[in-house]
Each structure stands twice: as C-alpha cells, then as structure tokens.
C-alpha cells in the first residue's frame, strides 16, 4: 500500500508543479497599455483573417483572435467610434504574437499607414516605464 501511495504521489506531483508554474508565468506577463485608434483595432482583427498559420500556431492564433474580439465587444459596449483614440490593455505575449501574425497578413498598400501606426503604438507602449 505504501508503494502505491508513493507511486501515486510521484505521478501527481509533476502535474501540480506544472500547473503552479503556468499560473505563476501568467501572473508575470507584463501588460502593455498602448494608445490606439478604434479603427486600427478593427483593421487588425480583419487582417488577422488573411493569415496562414501552421498547426503549431493554432493556440497562439486563437488567443490573439479571442483577445481582439473581446476588445471589440468592450469598445462597442462603450459606444466608441471608429476614429476615437483609446487606451487598451494587452498582455505582452498577445502583443508579440499579434505583430508576428500581422507580419504575415495580406495587406493592401493603402493600409500600410494603419499597420505602422498600430505596431508603433505597441512598440511605444513597451518603452513607457
């Protein structure tokens, strides 16, 4: 019986430790607070739909997509207009993944300014501190 309990404890312990490490990592992720135009957020959400992803990127892509969909819902509830400038809160890992996916998005030349403005806002928010 003692061997069974010891075996069980050794099997469960790594999962408990892994779960605690993930929780600690999520708490340590810096939050960026860039100032962006609402229309730029809509643009990013639409541009992400043109990105081709690999199977290994599905989870990261879904996190980015869900973050932006949630953000758009919040802005709609606040009745923000397309030209309004807002302060958003975005975890650093989501911001990094967004830029990585946006680098592969199919854009028209006329959207270059919007893309650059959004990325510049993210970069500038990393330097505030």
C-alpha atoms as a PDB file:
ATOM      1  CA  UNK A   1       0.000   0.000   0.000  1.00  0.00           C
ATOM      2  CA  UNK A   2       2.874   2.372   0.809  1.00  0.00           C
ATOM      3  CA  UNK A   3       4.363   1.747  -2.623  1.00  0.00           C
ATOM      4  CA  UNK A   4       1.029   2.603  -4.249  1.00  0.00           C
ATOM      5  CA  UNK A   5       0.758   5.876  -2.318  1.00  0.00           C
ATOM      6  CA  UNK A   6       4.376   6.769  -3.157  1.00  0.00           C
ATOM      7  CA  UNK A   7       3.827   5.892  -6.819  1.00  0.00           C
ATOM      8  CA  UNK A   8       0.634   7.974  -6.913  1.00  0.00           C
ATOM      9  CA  UNK A   9       2.365  10.929  -5.246  1.00  0.00           C
ATOM     10  CA  UNK A  10       5.238  10.802  -7.735  1.00  0.00           C
ATOM     11  CA  UNK A  11       2.815  10.669 -10.652  1.00  0.00           C
ATOM     12  CA  UNK A  12       0.641  13.566  -9.453  1.00  0.00           C
ATOM     13  CA  UNK A  13       3.385  15.885  -8.191  1.00  0.00           C
ATOM     14  CA  UNK A  14       4.728  16.891 -11.640  1.00  0.00           C
ATOM     15  CA  UNK A  15       1.227  17.904 -12.746  1.00  0.00           C
ATOM     16  CA  UNK A  16       0.679  20.001  -9.643  1.00  0.00           C
ATOM     17  CA  UNK A  17       4.067  21.695 -10.034  1.00  0.00           C
ATOM     18  CA  UNK A  18       3.472  22.276 -13.766  1.00  0.00           C
ATOM     19  CA  UNK A  19       0.074  23.820 -13.029  1.00  0.00           C
ATOM     20  CA  UNK A  20       1.591  26.136 -10.436  1.00  0.00           C
ATOM     21  CA  UNK A  21       4.385  27.152 -12.817  1.00  0.00           C
ATOM     22  CA  UNK A  22       1.878  28.013 -15.528  1.00  0.00           C
ATOM     23  CA  UNK A  23      -0.167  30.077 -13.096  1.00  0.00           C
ATOM     24  CA  UNK A  24       2.970  31.935 -11.947  1.00  0.00           C
ATOM     25  CA  UNK A  25       4.013  32.547 -15.552  1.00  0.00           C
ATOM     26  CA  UNK A  26       0.608  34.002 -16.386  1.00  0.00           C
ATOM     27  CA  UNK A  27       0.885  36.373 -13.438  1.00  0.00           C
ATOM     28  CA  UNK A  28       4.359  37.523 -14.540  1.00  0.00           C
ATOM     29  CA  UNK A  29       3.333  38.551 -18.061  1.00  0.00           C
ATOM     30  CA  UNK A  30       3.686  42.333 -18.441  1.00  0.00           C
ATOM     31  CA  UNK A  31       0.635  44.257 -19.605  1.00  0.00           C
ATOM     32  CA  UNK A  32       1.090  46.927 -22.272  1.00  0.00           C
ATOM     33  CA  UNK A  33      -1.144  49.998 -22.400  1.00  0.00           C
ATOM     34  CA  UNK A  34      -0.873  51.466 -25.890  1.00  0.00           C
ATOM     35  CA  UNK A  35      -3.000  54.352 -27.172  1.00  0.00           C
ATOM     36  CA  UNK A  36      -4.628  53.186 -30.402  1.00  0.00           C
ATOM     37  CA  UNK A  37      -7.400  54.254 -32.725  1.00  0.00           C
ATOM     38  CA  UNK A  38     -10.501  52.043 -32.588  1.00  0.00           C
ATOM     39  CA  UNK A  39     -10.431  51.688 -36.380  1.00  0.00           C
ATOM     40  CA  UNK A  40      -6.910  50.282 -36.157  1.00  0.00           C
ATOM     41  CA  UNK A  41      -8.153  47.538 -33.830  1.00  0.00           C
ATOM     42  CA  UNK A  42     -10.889  46.674 -36.317  1.00  0.00           C
ATOM     43  CA  UNK A  43      -8.289  46.668 -39.108  1.00  0.00           C
ATOM     44  CA  UNK A  44      -6.032  44.275 -37.174  1.00  0.00           C
ATOM     45  CA  UNK A  45      -8.953  41.949 -36.486  1.00  0.00           C
ATOM     46  CA  UNK A  46      -9.835  41.854 -40.176  1.00  0.00           C
ATOM     47  CA  UNK A  47      -6.209  41.480 -41.302  1.00  0.00           C
ATOM     48  CA  UNK A  48      -5.703  38.509 -38.992  1.00  0.00           C
ATOM     49  CA  UNK A  49      -8.313  36.655 -41.040  1.00  0.00           C
ATOM     50  CA  UNK A  50      -5.907  36.660 -44.007  1.00  0.00           C
ATOM     51  CA  UNK A  51      -3.033  34.994 -42.151  1.00  0.00           C
ATOM     52  CA  UNK A  52      -1.972  31.459 -42.977  1.00  0.00           C
ATOM     53  CA  UNK A  53      -0.892  29.620 -39.855  1.00  0.00           C
ATOM     54  CA  UNK A  54       0.818  26.346 -39.046  1.00  0.00           C
ATOM     55  CA  UNK A  55      -0.739  23.702 -36.849  1.00  0.00           C
ATOM     56  CA  UNK A  56       1.714  24.531 -34.075  1.00  0.00           C
ATOM     57  CA  UNK A  57       0.472  28.132 -34.086  1.00  0.00           C
ATOM     58  CA  UNK A  58      -3.230  27.417 -33.645  1.00  0.00           C
ATOM     59  CA  UNK A  59      -3.320  28.021 -29.901  1.00  0.00           C
ATOM     60  CA  UNK A  60      -1.402  31.315 -30.102  1.00  0.00           C
ATOM     61  CA  UNK A  61      -3.520  32.481 -33.031  1.00  0.00           C
ATOM     62  CA  UNK A  62      -6.774  31.691 -31.239  1.00  0.00           C
ATOM     63  CA  UNK A  63      -5.583  33.600 -28.158  1.00  0.00           C
ATOM     64  CA  UNK A  64      -4.835  36.660 -30.293  1.00  0.00           C
ATOM     65  CA  UNK A  65      -8.109  36.401 -32.182  1.00  0.00           C
ATOM     66  CA  UNK A  66     -10.151  35.973 -28.989  1.00  0.00           C
ATOM     67  CA  UNK A  67      -8.364  38.908 -27.330  1.00  0.00           C
ATOM     68  CA  UNK A  68      -9.228  41.227 -30.200  1.00  0.00           C
ATOM     69  CA  UNK A  69     -12.818  40.010 -30.470  1.00  0.00           C
ATOM     70  CA  UNK A  70     -13.260  40.620 -26.736  1.00  0.00           C
ATOM     71  CA  UNK A  71     -11.686  44.063 -27.090  1.00  0.00           C
ATOM     72  CA  UNK A  72     -14.033  44.988 -29.935  1.00  0.00           C
ATOM     73  CA  UNK A  73     -17.057  43.887 -27.894  1.00  0.00           C
ATOM     74  CA  UNK A  74     -15.892  46.038 -24.969  1.00  0.00           C
ATOM     75  CA  UNK A  75     -15.399  49.047 -27.246  1.00  0.00           C
ATOM     76  CA  UNK A  76     -18.841  48.512 -28.794  1.00  0.00           C
ATOM     77  CA  UNK A  77     -20.388  48.382 -25.322  1.00  0.00           C
ATOM     78  CA  UNK A  78     -18.636  51.665 -24.519  1.00  0.00           C
ATOM     79  CA  UNK A  79     -20.064  53.056 -27.779  1.00  0.00           C
ATOM     80  CA  UNK A  80     -16.639  54.088 -29.075  1.00  0.00           C
ATOM     81  CA  UNK A  81     -16.472  55.415 -32.607  1.00  0.00           C
ATOM     82  CA  UNK A  82     -14.014  54.278 -35.290  1.00  0.00           C
ATOM     83  CA  UNK A  83     -11.957  57.494 -35.036  1.00  0.00           C
ATOM     84  CA  UNK A  84     -11.768  57.518 -31.211  1.00  0.00           C
ATOM     85  CA  UNK A  85      -8.390  57.026 -29.556  1.00  0.00           C
ATOM     86  CA  UNK A  86      -8.444  54.600 -26.631  1.00  0.00           C
ATOM     87  CA  UNK A  87      -6.025  53.165 -24.113  1.00  0.00           C
ATOM     88  CA  UNK A  88      -6.117  49.397 -24.280  1.00  0.00           C
ATOM     89  CA  UNK A  89      -4.538  46.784 -22.048  1.00  0.00           C
ATOM     90  CA  UNK A  90      -2.871  43.917 -23.859  1.00  0.00           C
ATOM     91  CA  UNK A  91      -0.544  41.244 -22.424  1.00  0.00           C
ATOM     92  CA  UNK A  92       2.951  41.353 -23.887  1.00  0.00           C
ATOM     93  CA  UNK A  93       2.718  37.814 -25.273  1.00  0.00           C
ATOM     94  CA  UNK A  94      -0.529  38.644 -27.109  1.00  0.00           C
ATOM     95  CA  UNK A  95       1.046  41.829 -28.496  1.00  0.00           C
ATOM     96  CA  UNK A  96       4.112  39.916 -29.698  1.00  0.00           C
ATOM     97  CA  UNK A  97       2.009  37.211 -31.329  1.00  0.00           C
ATOM     98  CA  UNK A  98      -0.220  39.838 -32.930  1.00  0.00           C
ATOM     99  CA  UNK A  99       2.771  41.538 -34.542  1.00  0.00           C
ATOM    100  CA  UNK A 100       4.182  38.172 -35.659  1.00  0.00           C
ATOM    101  CA  UNK A 101       0.890  37.202 -37.312  1.00  0.00           C
ATOM    102  CA  UNK A 102       0.386  40.676 -38.774  1.00  0.00           C
ATOM    103  CA  UNK A 103       3.800  40.414 -40.439  1.00  0.00           C
ATOM    104  CA  UNK A 104       2.328  37.546 -42.476  1.00  0.00           C
ATOM    105  CA  UNK A 105      -1.050  39.157 -43.168  1.00  0.00           C
ATOM    106  CA  UNK A 106      -2.034  40.097 -46.691  1.00  0.00           C
ATOM    107  CA  UNK A 107      -2.377  43.880 -46.753  1.00  0.00           C
ATOM    108  CA  UNK A 108      -3.156  46.435 -49.387  1.00  0.00           C
ATOM    109  CA  UNK A 109      -0.745  49.324 -49.763  1.00  0.00           C
ATOM    110  CA  UNK A 110      -3.338  51.810 -48.548  1.00  0.00           C
ATOM    111  CA  UNK A 111      -3.353  50.034 -45.175  1.00  0.00           C
ATOM    112  CA  UNK A 112       0.385  50.452 -44.611  1.00  0.00           C
ATOM    113  CA  UNK A 113      -0.162  53.584 -42.520  1.00  0.00           C
ATOM    114  CA  UNK A 114      -2.719  51.856 -40.286  1.00  0.00           C
ATOM    115  CA  UNK A 115      -0.437  48.845 -39.819  1.00  0.00           C
ATOM    116  CA  UNK A 116       2.568  51.014 -38.989  1.00  0.00           C
ATOM    117  CA  UNK A 117       0.570  53.209 -36.602  1.00  0.00           C
ATOM    118  CA  UNK A 118      -0.696  50.161 -34.701  1.00  0.00           C
ATOM    119  CA  UNK A 119       2.719  48.494 -34.450  1.00  0.00           C
ATOM    120  CA  UNK A 120       4.366  51.807 -33.471  1.00  0.00           C
ATOM    121  CA  UNK A 121       1.791  52.225 -30.672  1.00  0.00           C
ATOM    122  CA  UNK A 122       2.612  48.759 -29.343  1.00  0.00           C
ATOM    123  CA  UNK A 123       6.350  49.428 -29.502  1.00  0.00           C
ATOM    124  CA  UNK A 124       5.977  52.834 -27.837  1.00  0.00           C
ATOM    125  CA  UNK A 125       3.977  51.276 -25.004  1.00  0.00           C
ATOM    126  CA  UNK A 126       6.887  48.954 -24.201  1.00  0.00           C
ATOM    127  CA  UNK A 127       9.141  51.964 -23.648  1.00  0.00           C
ATOM    128  CA  UNK A 128       6.839  53.669 -21.119  1.00  0.00           C
ATOM    129  CA  UNK A 129       8.275  52.812 -17.712  1.00  0.00           C
END
